[in-house]
N, C-alpha and C. Protein backbone atom coordinates (compact mmCIF):
# COMPACT_ATOMS: atom_id res chain seq x y z
N MET A 1 -17.29 -1.35 -28.29
CA MET A 1 -17.91 -0.03 -28.16
C MET A 1 -16.84 1.01 -27.87
N ARG A 2 -16.85 2.08 -28.65
CA ARG A 2 -15.90 3.17 -28.41
C ARG A 2 -16.36 3.99 -27.22
N ILE A 3 -15.42 4.35 -26.35
CA ILE A 3 -15.74 5.17 -25.19
C ILE A 3 -14.92 6.45 -25.22
N GLU A 4 -15.43 7.47 -24.55
CA GLU A 4 -14.73 8.74 -24.50
C GLU A 4 -14.96 9.38 -23.14
N LEU A 5 -14.15 10.38 -22.84
CA LEU A 5 -14.25 11.06 -21.56
C LEU A 5 -15.54 11.87 -21.48
N ASP A 6 -16.26 11.71 -20.38
CA ASP A 6 -17.42 12.56 -20.10
C ASP A 6 -17.04 13.65 -19.09
N HIS A 7 -16.48 13.24 -17.98
CA HIS A 7 -15.94 14.22 -17.03
C HIS A 7 -14.92 13.54 -16.14
N LEU A 8 -14.16 14.33 -15.43
CA LEU A 8 -13.19 13.81 -14.49
C LEU A 8 -13.30 14.59 -13.21
N PHE A 9 -12.88 13.96 -12.11
CA PHE A 9 -12.82 14.69 -10.86
C PHE A 9 -11.48 14.48 -10.18
N VAL A 10 -11.13 15.44 -9.34
CA VAL A 10 -9.97 15.34 -8.48
C VAL A 10 -10.42 15.69 -7.08
N CYS A 11 -10.01 14.90 -6.10
CA CYS A 11 -10.41 15.15 -4.72
C CYS A 11 -9.73 16.41 -4.20
N ALA A 12 -10.50 17.23 -3.52
CA ALA A 12 -10.04 18.52 -3.04
C ALA A 12 -10.41 18.71 -1.58
N ALA A 13 -9.93 19.78 -0.98
CA ALA A 13 -10.26 20.11 0.40
C ALA A 13 -11.74 20.51 0.50
N PRO A 14 -12.33 20.44 1.69
CA PRO A 14 -13.73 20.84 1.85
C PRO A 14 -13.99 22.25 1.30
N GLY A 15 -15.02 22.35 0.46
CA GLY A 15 -15.31 23.62 -0.19
C GLY A 15 -14.49 23.89 -1.42
N ALA A 16 -13.51 23.05 -1.69
CA ALA A 16 -12.63 23.17 -2.87
C ALA A 16 -12.09 24.59 -3.06
N PRO A 17 -11.37 25.14 -2.05
CA PRO A 17 -10.75 26.45 -2.27
C PRO A 17 -9.73 26.44 -3.39
N GLU A 18 -9.24 25.24 -3.76
CA GLU A 18 -8.29 25.13 -4.86
C GLU A 18 -8.88 25.62 -6.19
N ALA A 19 -10.21 25.65 -6.27
CA ALA A 19 -10.86 26.12 -7.51
C ALA A 19 -10.47 27.55 -7.85
N GLU A 20 -10.10 28.33 -6.84
CA GLU A 20 -9.71 29.71 -7.10
C GLU A 20 -8.48 29.78 -8.01
N LYS A 21 -7.64 28.78 -7.95
CA LYS A 21 -6.47 28.75 -8.84
C LYS A 21 -6.90 28.61 -10.29
N PHE A 22 -7.93 27.80 -10.54
CA PHE A 22 -8.46 27.66 -11.90
C PHE A 22 -9.08 28.98 -12.37
N ILE A 23 -9.78 29.64 -11.48
CA ILE A 23 -10.42 30.92 -11.83
C ILE A 23 -9.36 31.96 -12.15
N GLN A 24 -8.31 32.03 -11.34
CA GLN A 24 -7.22 32.98 -11.60
C GLN A 24 -6.55 32.68 -12.93
N PHE A 25 -6.50 31.42 -13.29
CA PHE A 25 -5.91 31.01 -14.56
C PHE A 25 -6.74 31.50 -15.74
N GLY A 26 -8.05 31.62 -15.56
CA GLY A 26 -8.90 32.09 -16.64
C GLY A 26 -10.05 31.19 -16.99
N LEU A 27 -10.38 30.22 -16.10
CA LEU A 27 -11.53 29.36 -16.33
C LEU A 27 -12.78 29.98 -15.72
N LEU A 28 -13.89 29.79 -16.40
CA LEU A 28 -15.19 30.24 -15.92
C LEU A 28 -15.83 29.11 -15.14
N GLU A 29 -16.20 29.37 -13.89
CA GLU A 29 -16.78 28.31 -13.06
C GLU A 29 -18.25 28.11 -13.38
N ALA A 30 -18.65 26.86 -13.50
CA ALA A 30 -20.05 26.49 -13.66
C ALA A 30 -20.70 26.41 -12.28
N PRO A 31 -22.03 26.31 -12.20
CA PRO A 31 -22.67 26.18 -10.88
C PRO A 31 -22.16 24.97 -10.13
N PRO A 32 -21.95 25.08 -8.81
CA PRO A 32 -21.51 23.93 -8.02
C PRO A 32 -22.61 22.89 -7.91
N ASN A 33 -22.27 21.74 -7.36
CA ASN A 33 -23.25 20.66 -7.29
C ASN A 33 -23.13 19.91 -5.97
N GLN A 34 -24.27 19.43 -5.46
CA GLN A 34 -24.34 18.57 -4.30
C GLN A 34 -24.80 17.19 -4.75
N HIS A 35 -24.38 16.15 -4.04
CA HIS A 35 -24.78 14.78 -4.36
C HIS A 35 -25.53 14.20 -3.16
N PRO A 36 -26.84 14.50 -3.06
CA PRO A 36 -27.62 14.04 -1.91
C PRO A 36 -27.56 12.52 -1.73
N GLY A 37 -27.37 12.12 -0.49
CA GLY A 37 -27.29 10.70 -0.17
C GLY A 37 -25.91 10.11 -0.36
N GLN A 38 -25.07 10.74 -1.16
CA GLN A 38 -23.72 10.24 -1.40
C GLN A 38 -22.71 10.91 -0.48
N GLY A 39 -23.07 12.09 0.04
CA GLY A 39 -22.20 12.78 0.97
C GLY A 39 -21.06 13.54 0.34
N THR A 40 -21.16 13.86 -0.94
CA THR A 40 -20.11 14.62 -1.61
C THR A 40 -20.70 15.87 -2.28
N ALA A 41 -19.80 16.77 -2.63
CA ALA A 41 -20.16 17.99 -3.35
C ALA A 41 -19.00 18.35 -4.26
N CYS A 42 -19.22 19.23 -5.21
CA CYS A 42 -18.13 19.60 -6.12
C CYS A 42 -18.31 21.00 -6.67
N ARG A 43 -17.19 21.56 -7.10
CA ARG A 43 -17.17 22.76 -7.93
C ARG A 43 -16.75 22.33 -9.32
N ARG A 44 -17.33 22.98 -10.36
CA ARG A 44 -17.22 22.43 -11.70
C ARG A 44 -16.76 23.47 -12.73
N PHE A 45 -16.06 22.97 -13.72
CA PHE A 45 -15.58 23.78 -14.84
C PHE A 45 -15.89 23.03 -16.13
N ALA A 46 -16.74 23.61 -16.95
CA ALA A 46 -17.25 22.92 -18.14
C ALA A 46 -16.41 23.24 -19.37
N LEU A 47 -16.13 22.22 -20.15
CA LEU A 47 -15.53 22.35 -21.47
C LEU A 47 -16.56 21.92 -22.50
N ALA A 48 -16.25 22.10 -23.78
CA ALA A 48 -17.21 21.77 -24.83
C ALA A 48 -17.47 20.28 -24.92
N ASN A 49 -16.53 19.46 -24.45
CA ASN A 49 -16.71 18.01 -24.57
C ASN A 49 -16.64 17.26 -23.24
N ALA A 50 -16.41 17.96 -22.16
CA ALA A 50 -16.23 17.28 -20.88
C ALA A 50 -16.34 18.29 -19.75
N MET A 51 -16.10 17.83 -18.54
CA MET A 51 -16.16 18.70 -17.37
C MET A 51 -15.07 18.29 -16.38
N ILE A 52 -14.52 19.27 -15.69
CA ILE A 52 -13.56 19.04 -14.61
C ILE A 52 -14.25 19.38 -13.30
N GLU A 53 -14.22 18.45 -12.35
CA GLU A 53 -14.85 18.67 -11.06
C GLU A 53 -13.80 18.59 -9.95
N LEU A 54 -13.92 19.48 -8.97
CA LEU A 54 -13.15 19.40 -7.74
C LEU A 54 -14.11 18.91 -6.66
N LEU A 55 -13.88 17.71 -6.17
CA LEU A 55 -14.86 17.00 -5.34
C LEU A 55 -14.34 16.82 -3.92
N TRP A 56 -15.25 16.95 -2.95
CA TRP A 56 -14.90 16.70 -1.56
C TRP A 56 -16.05 15.99 -0.85
N VAL A 57 -15.73 15.36 0.28
CA VAL A 57 -16.75 14.74 1.12
C VAL A 57 -17.35 15.81 2.03
N SER A 58 -18.63 16.04 1.87
CA SER A 58 -19.33 17.04 2.68
C SER A 58 -20.06 16.42 3.86
N ASP A 59 -20.32 15.12 3.79
CA ASP A 59 -21.02 14.40 4.86
C ASP A 59 -20.38 13.02 4.99
N PRO A 60 -19.42 12.87 5.93
CA PRO A 60 -18.72 11.58 6.04
C PRO A 60 -19.64 10.40 6.31
N SER A 61 -20.69 10.59 7.09
CA SER A 61 -21.58 9.45 7.38
C SER A 61 -22.31 9.00 6.13
N ALA A 62 -22.77 9.94 5.31
CA ALA A 62 -23.45 9.58 4.06
C ALA A 62 -22.48 8.92 3.09
N ALA A 63 -21.23 9.39 3.07
CA ALA A 63 -20.24 8.83 2.15
C ALA A 63 -19.85 7.41 2.53
N GLN A 64 -20.18 7.00 3.76
CA GLN A 64 -19.82 5.66 4.23
C GLN A 64 -21.04 4.79 4.53
N ASN A 65 -22.23 5.23 4.08
CA ASN A 65 -23.41 4.42 4.39
C ASN A 65 -23.48 3.19 3.48
N GLN A 66 -24.47 2.37 3.73
CA GLN A 66 -24.54 1.07 3.04
C GLN A 66 -24.66 1.20 1.54
N SER A 67 -25.36 2.21 1.07
CA SER A 67 -25.61 2.33 -0.37
C SER A 67 -24.45 2.97 -1.11
N THR A 68 -23.59 3.71 -0.42
CA THR A 68 -22.52 4.43 -1.10
C THR A 68 -21.12 3.90 -0.81
N ARG A 69 -20.96 3.11 0.22
CA ARG A 69 -19.60 2.74 0.62
C ARG A 69 -18.89 1.88 -0.42
N THR A 70 -19.66 1.18 -1.26
CA THR A 70 -19.01 0.37 -2.30
C THR A 70 -18.30 1.23 -3.34
N ALA A 71 -18.67 2.52 -3.41
CA ALA A 71 -18.01 3.43 -4.35
C ALA A 71 -16.62 3.82 -3.87
N LEU A 72 -16.32 3.58 -2.58
CA LEU A 72 -15.02 3.87 -1.98
C LEU A 72 -14.66 5.35 -2.07
N LEU A 73 -15.65 6.22 -2.12
CA LEU A 73 -15.38 7.65 -2.20
C LEU A 73 -14.74 8.16 -0.92
N TRP A 74 -15.21 7.68 0.23
CA TRP A 74 -14.60 8.10 1.49
C TRP A 74 -13.14 7.68 1.56
N GLU A 75 -12.87 6.43 1.20
CA GLU A 75 -11.49 5.93 1.24
C GLU A 75 -10.60 6.71 0.28
N ARG A 76 -11.12 7.02 -0.89
CA ARG A 76 -10.34 7.76 -1.88
C ARG A 76 -10.07 9.18 -1.41
N TRP A 77 -11.12 9.84 -0.92
CA TRP A 77 -10.97 11.25 -0.53
C TRP A 77 -10.11 11.39 0.73
N SER A 78 -10.34 10.55 1.72
CA SER A 78 -9.62 10.69 2.98
C SER A 78 -8.14 10.33 2.84
N ALA A 79 -7.79 9.54 1.85
CA ALA A 79 -6.39 9.15 1.62
C ALA A 79 -5.82 9.79 0.37
N ARG A 80 -6.41 10.91 -0.03
CA ARG A 80 -6.00 11.56 -1.30
C ARG A 80 -4.56 12.06 -1.28
N ASP A 81 -4.02 12.31 -0.09
CA ASP A 81 -2.64 12.79 0.00
C ASP A 81 -1.66 11.67 0.31
N SER A 82 -2.12 10.42 0.25
CA SER A 82 -1.22 9.29 0.50
C SER A 82 -1.31 8.30 -0.65
N ASP A 83 -1.76 7.07 -0.38
CA ASP A 83 -1.70 6.03 -1.40
C ASP A 83 -2.84 6.06 -2.42
N ALA A 84 -3.98 6.59 -2.04
CA ALA A 84 -5.15 6.53 -2.93
C ALA A 84 -5.01 7.49 -4.11
N SER A 85 -5.47 7.04 -5.27
CA SER A 85 -5.56 7.94 -6.40
C SER A 85 -6.66 8.95 -6.13
N PRO A 86 -6.39 10.25 -6.28
CA PRO A 86 -7.40 11.27 -6.01
C PRO A 86 -8.32 11.55 -7.18
N PHE A 87 -8.26 10.71 -8.23
CA PHE A 87 -8.96 11.01 -9.47
C PHE A 87 -10.14 10.08 -9.73
N GLY A 88 -11.08 10.59 -10.48
CA GLY A 88 -12.16 9.80 -11.04
C GLY A 88 -12.23 10.07 -12.53
N ILE A 89 -12.35 9.03 -13.33
CA ILE A 89 -12.46 9.16 -14.78
C ILE A 89 -13.81 8.59 -15.18
N CYS A 90 -14.70 9.47 -15.64
CA CYS A 90 -16.08 9.08 -15.95
C CYS A 90 -16.26 9.09 -17.47
N LEU A 91 -16.81 8.02 -18.01
CA LEU A 91 -16.80 7.76 -19.44
C LEU A 91 -18.21 7.62 -19.99
N ARG A 92 -18.34 7.90 -21.29
CA ARG A 92 -19.63 7.75 -21.98
C ARG A 92 -19.37 7.07 -23.32
N PRO A 93 -20.41 6.57 -23.97
CA PRO A 93 -20.23 5.97 -25.29
C PRO A 93 -19.79 7.02 -26.32
N GLY A 94 -18.85 6.64 -27.17
CA GLY A 94 -18.46 7.54 -28.25
C GLY A 94 -19.58 7.72 -29.26
N ASN A 95 -20.40 6.68 -29.39
CA ASN A 95 -21.57 6.72 -30.26
C ASN A 95 -22.78 6.34 -29.42
N PRO A 96 -23.68 7.28 -29.15
CA PRO A 96 -24.83 6.97 -28.28
C PRO A 96 -25.64 5.77 -28.75
N GLN A 97 -25.65 5.48 -30.05
CA GLN A 97 -26.40 4.34 -30.57
C GLN A 97 -25.78 3.01 -30.12
N GLU A 98 -24.52 3.08 -29.69
CA GLU A 98 -23.84 1.86 -29.24
C GLU A 98 -24.01 1.61 -27.75
N ALA A 99 -24.68 2.53 -27.05
CA ALA A 99 -24.80 2.41 -25.60
C ALA A 99 -25.45 1.09 -25.21
N GLY A 100 -24.87 0.47 -24.21
CA GLY A 100 -25.39 -0.80 -23.72
C GLY A 100 -24.86 -1.04 -22.33
N GLY A 101 -24.35 -2.24 -22.08
CA GLY A 101 -23.74 -2.53 -20.80
C GLY A 101 -22.37 -1.89 -20.68
N PRO A 102 -21.79 -1.90 -19.49
CA PRO A 102 -20.47 -1.30 -19.30
C PRO A 102 -19.41 -2.01 -20.14
N PRO A 103 -18.43 -1.27 -20.65
CA PRO A 103 -17.41 -1.87 -21.52
C PRO A 103 -16.28 -2.53 -20.76
N PHE A 104 -16.42 -2.65 -19.44
CA PHE A 104 -15.39 -3.26 -18.61
C PHE A 104 -16.05 -3.90 -17.39
N PRO A 105 -15.34 -4.78 -16.67
CA PRO A 105 -15.91 -5.40 -15.47
C PRO A 105 -16.31 -4.33 -14.46
N ALA A 106 -17.59 -4.33 -14.06
CA ALA A 106 -18.09 -3.24 -13.22
C ALA A 106 -19.29 -3.70 -12.42
N ARG A 107 -19.62 -2.93 -11.39
CA ARG A 107 -20.82 -3.19 -10.59
C ARG A 107 -21.75 -1.99 -10.69
N GLU A 108 -23.02 -2.25 -10.58
CA GLU A 108 -24.01 -1.17 -10.63
C GLU A 108 -23.89 -0.25 -9.43
N TYR A 109 -24.13 1.02 -9.69
CA TYR A 109 -24.15 2.02 -8.62
C TYR A 109 -25.32 2.95 -8.89
N ARG A 110 -26.24 3.01 -7.93
CA ARG A 110 -27.45 3.81 -8.07
C ARG A 110 -27.54 4.80 -6.91
N PRO A 111 -26.81 5.90 -6.98
CA PRO A 111 -26.87 6.89 -5.90
C PRO A 111 -28.25 7.55 -5.83
N ASP A 112 -28.58 8.08 -4.67
CA ASP A 112 -29.90 8.67 -4.46
C ASP A 112 -30.19 9.81 -5.42
N TYR A 113 -29.17 10.56 -5.82
CA TYR A 113 -29.39 11.74 -6.65
C TYR A 113 -29.61 11.40 -8.13
N LEU A 114 -29.37 10.16 -8.51
CA LEU A 114 -29.53 9.78 -9.92
C LEU A 114 -30.94 9.26 -10.15
N PRO A 115 -31.72 9.90 -10.99
CA PRO A 115 -33.11 9.45 -11.18
C PRO A 115 -33.18 8.10 -11.90
N GLY A 116 -34.09 7.26 -11.44
CA GLY A 116 -34.31 5.99 -12.12
C GLY A 116 -34.93 6.22 -13.48
N PRO A 117 -34.66 5.35 -14.44
CA PRO A 117 -33.95 4.06 -14.31
C PRO A 117 -32.45 4.18 -14.60
N LEU A 118 -31.91 5.40 -14.55
CA LEU A 118 -30.50 5.57 -14.88
C LEU A 118 -29.62 4.85 -13.86
N VAL A 119 -28.50 4.34 -14.33
CA VAL A 119 -27.57 3.63 -13.46
C VAL A 119 -26.14 3.87 -13.95
N MET A 120 -25.25 4.04 -13.01
CA MET A 120 -23.83 4.11 -13.32
C MET A 120 -23.19 2.76 -13.02
N HIS A 121 -22.04 2.52 -13.60
CA HIS A 121 -21.28 1.31 -13.31
C HIS A 121 -19.87 1.71 -12.90
N ILE A 122 -19.43 1.20 -11.77
CA ILE A 122 -18.10 1.50 -11.25
C ILE A 122 -17.18 0.32 -11.55
N GLY A 123 -16.07 0.61 -12.21
CA GLY A 123 -15.14 -0.43 -12.59
C GLY A 123 -14.53 -1.13 -11.39
N GLU A 124 -14.24 -2.42 -11.56
CA GLU A 124 -13.66 -3.23 -10.50
C GLU A 124 -12.16 -2.96 -10.41
N ALA A 125 -11.81 -2.02 -9.55
CA ALA A 125 -10.41 -1.66 -9.32
C ALA A 125 -10.29 -1.04 -7.94
N GLY A 126 -9.12 -1.10 -7.34
CA GLY A 126 -8.93 -0.54 -6.02
C GLY A 126 -8.67 0.95 -6.03
N VAL A 127 -8.47 1.53 -4.84
CA VAL A 127 -8.32 2.98 -4.74
C VAL A 127 -6.94 3.47 -5.19
N LYS A 128 -6.01 2.57 -5.44
CA LYS A 128 -4.73 3.03 -5.98
C LYS A 128 -4.85 3.41 -7.45
N GLU A 129 -5.91 2.93 -8.09
CA GLU A 129 -6.24 3.39 -9.44
C GLU A 129 -7.34 4.45 -9.34
N PRO A 130 -7.53 5.24 -10.38
CA PRO A 130 -8.66 6.17 -10.37
C PRO A 130 -9.99 5.43 -10.23
N MET A 131 -11.01 6.13 -9.85
CA MET A 131 -12.36 5.60 -9.88
C MET A 131 -12.81 5.62 -11.33
N TRP A 132 -13.02 4.44 -11.91
CA TRP A 132 -13.45 4.32 -13.30
C TRP A 132 -14.98 4.20 -13.31
N VAL A 133 -15.65 5.08 -14.01
CA VAL A 133 -17.12 5.10 -13.99
C VAL A 133 -17.66 5.10 -15.41
N ASP A 134 -18.55 4.16 -15.68
CA ASP A 134 -19.25 4.11 -16.97
C ASP A 134 -20.60 4.81 -16.82
N MET A 135 -20.87 5.79 -17.69
CA MET A 135 -22.13 6.52 -17.69
C MET A 135 -22.74 6.40 -19.08
N SER A 136 -23.33 5.25 -19.37
CA SER A 136 -23.79 4.96 -20.71
C SER A 136 -24.95 5.85 -21.16
N PHE A 137 -25.59 6.54 -20.22
CA PHE A 137 -26.72 7.39 -20.53
C PHE A 137 -26.31 8.81 -20.95
N MET A 138 -25.03 9.14 -20.84
CA MET A 138 -24.58 10.49 -21.17
C MET A 138 -24.24 10.62 -22.66
N LYS A 139 -24.39 11.85 -23.17
CA LYS A 139 -24.06 12.18 -24.55
C LYS A 139 -23.25 13.47 -24.57
N ARG A 140 -22.43 13.60 -25.60
CA ARG A 140 -21.60 14.80 -25.71
C ARG A 140 -22.45 16.07 -25.73
N VAL A 141 -23.59 16.03 -26.39
CA VAL A 141 -24.42 17.22 -26.50
C VAL A 141 -24.82 17.76 -25.13
N GLN A 142 -24.90 16.87 -24.14
CA GLN A 142 -25.25 17.32 -22.80
C GLN A 142 -24.12 18.15 -22.19
N ARG A 143 -22.90 17.86 -22.54
CA ARG A 143 -21.76 18.66 -22.08
C ARG A 143 -21.68 19.97 -22.84
N GLU A 144 -21.97 19.95 -24.13
CA GLU A 144 -21.94 21.18 -24.92
C GLU A 144 -22.92 22.20 -24.37
N HIS A 145 -24.02 21.73 -23.82
CA HIS A 145 -25.04 22.62 -23.27
C HIS A 145 -24.49 23.44 -22.11
N TRP A 146 -23.54 22.88 -21.36
CA TRP A 146 -22.97 23.55 -20.19
C TRP A 146 -21.90 24.58 -20.56
N PHE A 147 -21.33 24.45 -21.75
CA PHE A 147 -20.10 25.19 -22.05
C PHE A 147 -20.34 26.68 -22.30
N ASN A 148 -19.49 27.50 -21.67
CA ASN A 148 -19.39 28.93 -21.96
C ASN A 148 -17.91 29.23 -22.20
N GLU A 149 -17.66 30.22 -23.05
CA GLU A 149 -16.27 30.53 -23.40
C GLU A 149 -15.46 30.93 -22.16
N HIS A 150 -14.27 30.35 -22.04
CA HIS A 150 -13.37 30.70 -20.95
C HIS A 150 -12.49 31.87 -21.34
N LEU A 151 -12.12 32.67 -20.36
CA LEU A 151 -11.28 33.84 -20.62
C LEU A 151 -9.95 33.45 -21.25
N ILE A 152 -9.45 32.28 -20.87
CA ILE A 152 -8.16 31.83 -21.38
C ILE A 152 -8.27 31.27 -22.80
N GLY A 153 -9.49 31.04 -23.27
CA GLY A 153 -9.69 30.66 -24.67
C GLY A 153 -9.66 29.18 -24.97
N ILE A 154 -9.58 28.31 -23.97
CA ILE A 154 -9.57 26.87 -24.24
C ILE A 154 -10.99 26.35 -24.42
N ARG A 155 -11.14 25.24 -25.18
CA ARG A 155 -12.47 24.73 -25.49
C ARG A 155 -12.65 23.26 -25.13
N GLU A 156 -11.71 22.41 -25.52
CA GLU A 156 -11.91 20.97 -25.36
C GLU A 156 -10.72 20.30 -24.69
N ILE A 157 -11.01 19.22 -23.97
CA ILE A 157 -9.96 18.33 -23.49
C ILE A 157 -9.63 17.36 -24.62
N THR A 158 -8.36 17.33 -25.02
CA THR A 158 -7.96 16.48 -26.14
C THR A 158 -6.96 15.40 -25.74
N GLY A 159 -6.61 15.33 -24.48
CA GLY A 159 -5.70 14.28 -24.04
C GLY A 159 -5.55 14.27 -22.54
N LEU A 160 -5.30 13.08 -21.99
CA LEU A 160 -5.04 12.91 -20.57
C LEU A 160 -3.82 12.01 -20.40
N THR A 161 -2.93 12.40 -19.51
CA THR A 161 -1.81 11.54 -19.12
C THR A 161 -1.87 11.36 -17.62
N LEU A 162 -2.06 10.12 -17.22
CA LEU A 162 -2.22 9.79 -15.81
C LEU A 162 -0.93 9.20 -15.26
N THR A 163 -0.49 9.74 -14.13
CA THR A 163 0.65 9.18 -13.41
C THR A 163 0.14 8.56 -12.12
N THR A 164 0.49 7.29 -11.90
CA THR A 164 0.09 6.59 -10.69
C THR A 164 1.33 6.09 -9.96
N THR A 165 1.16 5.75 -8.69
CA THR A 165 2.30 5.27 -7.90
C THR A 165 2.53 3.77 -8.06
N ALA A 166 1.62 3.10 -8.73
CA ALA A 166 1.76 1.67 -9.03
C ALA A 166 1.22 1.45 -10.43
N PRO A 167 1.73 0.48 -11.17
CA PRO A 167 1.23 0.23 -12.52
C PRO A 167 -0.25 -0.10 -12.53
N LEU A 168 -0.93 0.35 -13.57
CA LEU A 168 -2.35 0.01 -13.74
C LEU A 168 -2.45 -1.45 -14.18
N ARG A 169 -3.16 -2.25 -13.39
CA ARG A 169 -3.21 -3.68 -13.68
C ARG A 169 -4.63 -4.21 -13.86
N SER A 170 -5.63 -3.45 -13.49
CA SER A 170 -7.00 -3.97 -13.57
C SER A 170 -7.45 -4.11 -15.02
N ALA A 171 -8.41 -4.99 -15.24
CA ALA A 171 -9.00 -5.14 -16.57
C ALA A 171 -9.67 -3.86 -17.01
N VAL A 172 -10.21 -3.13 -16.06
CA VAL A 172 -10.86 -1.85 -16.38
C VAL A 172 -9.84 -0.88 -16.96
N SER A 173 -8.73 -0.70 -16.26
CA SER A 173 -7.73 0.26 -16.72
C SER A 173 -7.17 -0.13 -18.08
N GLN A 174 -7.01 -1.43 -18.33
CA GLN A 174 -6.49 -1.86 -19.63
C GLN A 174 -7.46 -1.51 -20.75
N LYS A 175 -8.76 -1.64 -20.48
CA LYS A 175 -9.75 -1.26 -21.48
C LYS A 175 -9.70 0.23 -21.76
N VAL A 176 -9.56 1.04 -20.72
CA VAL A 176 -9.50 2.49 -20.90
C VAL A 176 -8.24 2.88 -21.66
N LEU A 177 -7.12 2.25 -21.33
CA LEU A 177 -5.88 2.54 -22.05
C LEU A 177 -6.00 2.16 -23.52
N GLU A 178 -6.59 1.01 -23.79
CA GLU A 178 -6.76 0.57 -25.18
C GLU A 178 -7.66 1.51 -25.96
N SER A 179 -8.60 2.13 -25.28
CA SER A 179 -9.55 3.03 -25.95
C SER A 179 -8.91 4.34 -26.38
N GLY A 180 -7.76 4.67 -25.79
CA GLY A 180 -7.11 5.94 -26.11
C GLY A 180 -7.62 7.12 -25.31
N VAL A 181 -8.47 6.88 -24.32
CA VAL A 181 -8.98 7.97 -23.48
C VAL A 181 -7.83 8.64 -22.74
N LEU A 182 -6.84 7.85 -22.32
CA LEU A 182 -5.69 8.40 -21.61
C LEU A 182 -4.48 7.50 -21.83
N SER A 183 -3.33 8.04 -21.48
CA SER A 183 -2.11 7.26 -21.40
C SER A 183 -1.66 7.27 -19.94
N ALA A 184 -0.77 6.36 -19.57
CA ALA A 184 -0.40 6.23 -18.16
C ALA A 184 1.08 5.93 -18.00
N ARG A 185 1.58 6.32 -16.84
CA ARG A 185 2.95 6.00 -16.44
C ARG A 185 3.01 5.96 -14.92
N THR A 186 4.12 5.54 -14.37
CA THR A 186 4.26 5.47 -12.92
C THR A 186 5.36 6.41 -12.44
N ALA A 187 5.20 6.88 -11.22
CA ALA A 187 6.18 7.75 -10.57
C ALA A 187 5.92 7.68 -9.06
N THR A 188 6.49 8.59 -8.32
CA THR A 188 6.37 8.53 -6.86
C THR A 188 5.13 9.23 -6.33
N SER A 189 4.41 9.95 -7.19
CA SER A 189 3.19 10.63 -6.73
C SER A 189 2.16 10.67 -7.85
N HIS A 190 0.90 10.80 -7.47
CA HIS A 190 -0.19 10.84 -8.43
C HIS A 190 -0.24 12.20 -9.15
N LEU A 191 -0.58 12.15 -10.43
CA LEU A 191 -0.66 13.38 -11.23
C LEU A 191 -1.57 13.13 -12.42
N LEU A 192 -2.30 14.16 -12.83
CA LEU A 192 -3.09 14.09 -14.06
C LEU A 192 -2.75 15.30 -14.92
N GLU A 193 -2.24 15.05 -16.11
CA GLU A 193 -1.93 16.10 -17.07
C GLU A 193 -3.07 16.17 -18.08
N ILE A 194 -3.64 17.35 -18.22
CA ILE A 194 -4.82 17.56 -19.07
C ILE A 194 -4.41 18.42 -20.26
N GLU A 195 -4.59 17.87 -21.44
CA GLU A 195 -4.26 18.60 -22.67
C GLU A 195 -5.52 19.24 -23.24
N PHE A 196 -5.39 20.48 -23.68
CA PHE A 196 -6.50 21.22 -24.26
C PHE A 196 -6.22 21.57 -25.72
N ASP A 197 -7.20 21.31 -26.58
CA ASP A 197 -7.18 21.77 -27.97
C ASP A 197 -5.92 21.38 -28.74
N GLY A 198 -5.35 20.22 -28.40
CA GLY A 198 -4.14 19.77 -29.08
C GLY A 198 -2.90 20.53 -28.69
N LYS A 199 -2.93 21.27 -27.60
CA LYS A 199 -1.84 22.10 -27.03
C LYS A 199 -1.09 22.92 -28.09
N PRO A 200 -1.80 23.80 -28.82
CA PRO A 200 -1.14 24.60 -29.86
C PRO A 200 -0.15 25.63 -29.33
N ARG A 201 -0.30 26.04 -28.07
CA ARG A 201 0.60 27.06 -27.51
C ARG A 201 1.88 26.47 -26.94
N ASN A 202 1.88 25.16 -26.73
CA ASN A 202 3.03 24.48 -26.13
C ASN A 202 3.37 25.09 -24.77
N GLU A 203 2.33 25.37 -23.97
CA GLU A 203 2.52 25.93 -22.64
C GLU A 203 2.10 24.91 -21.58
N GLN A 204 2.65 25.05 -20.39
CA GLN A 204 2.32 24.16 -19.28
C GLN A 204 2.00 25.00 -18.05
N ILE A 205 0.87 24.68 -17.39
CA ILE A 205 0.48 25.35 -16.15
C ILE A 205 0.40 24.28 -15.07
N ASP A 206 1.22 24.42 -14.05
CA ASP A 206 1.34 23.40 -12.99
C ASP A 206 0.62 23.91 -11.74
N PHE A 207 -0.41 23.18 -11.31
CA PHE A 207 -1.20 23.59 -10.15
C PHE A 207 -0.73 22.95 -8.85
N ARG A 208 0.35 22.21 -8.89
CA ARG A 208 0.92 21.67 -7.66
C ARG A 208 1.57 22.79 -6.85
N PRO A 209 1.54 22.76 -5.54
CA PRO A 209 1.08 21.67 -4.66
C PRO A 209 -0.42 21.74 -4.32
N ASP A 210 -1.14 22.72 -4.84
CA ASP A 210 -2.56 22.85 -4.49
C ASP A 210 -3.37 21.67 -5.01
N LEU A 211 -3.11 21.26 -6.25
CA LEU A 211 -3.79 20.14 -6.87
C LEU A 211 -2.79 19.33 -7.69
N PRO A 212 -2.93 18.01 -7.76
CA PRO A 212 -2.02 17.20 -8.58
C PRO A 212 -2.45 17.24 -10.05
N ILE A 213 -2.49 18.45 -10.59
CA ILE A 213 -2.99 18.70 -11.95
C ILE A 213 -2.00 19.57 -12.71
N VAL A 214 -1.77 19.23 -13.96
CA VAL A 214 -1.01 20.06 -14.88
C VAL A 214 -1.84 20.26 -16.13
N PHE A 215 -1.99 21.51 -16.55
CA PHE A 215 -2.66 21.83 -17.82
C PHE A 215 -1.60 21.97 -18.91
N ARG A 216 -1.88 21.42 -20.07
CA ARG A 216 -1.03 21.60 -21.24
C ARG A 216 -1.86 22.26 -22.33
N LEU A 217 -1.40 23.45 -22.77
CA LEU A 217 -2.18 24.27 -23.70
C LEU A 217 -1.51 24.33 -25.07
């Protein structure tokens, strides 16, 4: 089954003040979102084929309760400036007709905010890798519905390059790498480089130290 990026998140400070850097750059912010029962919230920026979320823990007790602690969101967010990868990579079927079980080793995750019978699957990997999430119920058209033209003129995410502090070794990560959703390398700190529209301008916008994100236009 072919898979593609649905959305990604990066862990941010409470309230995600870092989002103002994206707005100054020329992105139009979509409505923010709360995740009842999961203890997280996010600010969002929609593209024609995906979404970028800045996510934080808004309720530590909810983020660590019995139903959500297996997602390791608290561990990822609270250690975002140290060993944990601050990223989440959420995937959907490239062809909705092919939707079925998760394309990699994963466990079911049914947060309170997700209406039944929908279910997400979280890939079996530790917090040093991104949170890998299969969302087989999502379709590209649902992302297109959110999109409004950005002042900077970008439309689609066309590539991701992930830098981790340790090599990606899980079966989940190998499946994602094989799919072409992203490429990966190792270095001394976590980073996600996001390419837009095939980077016709050959420009780079570096949001560090506010966020471990680089845009390539």
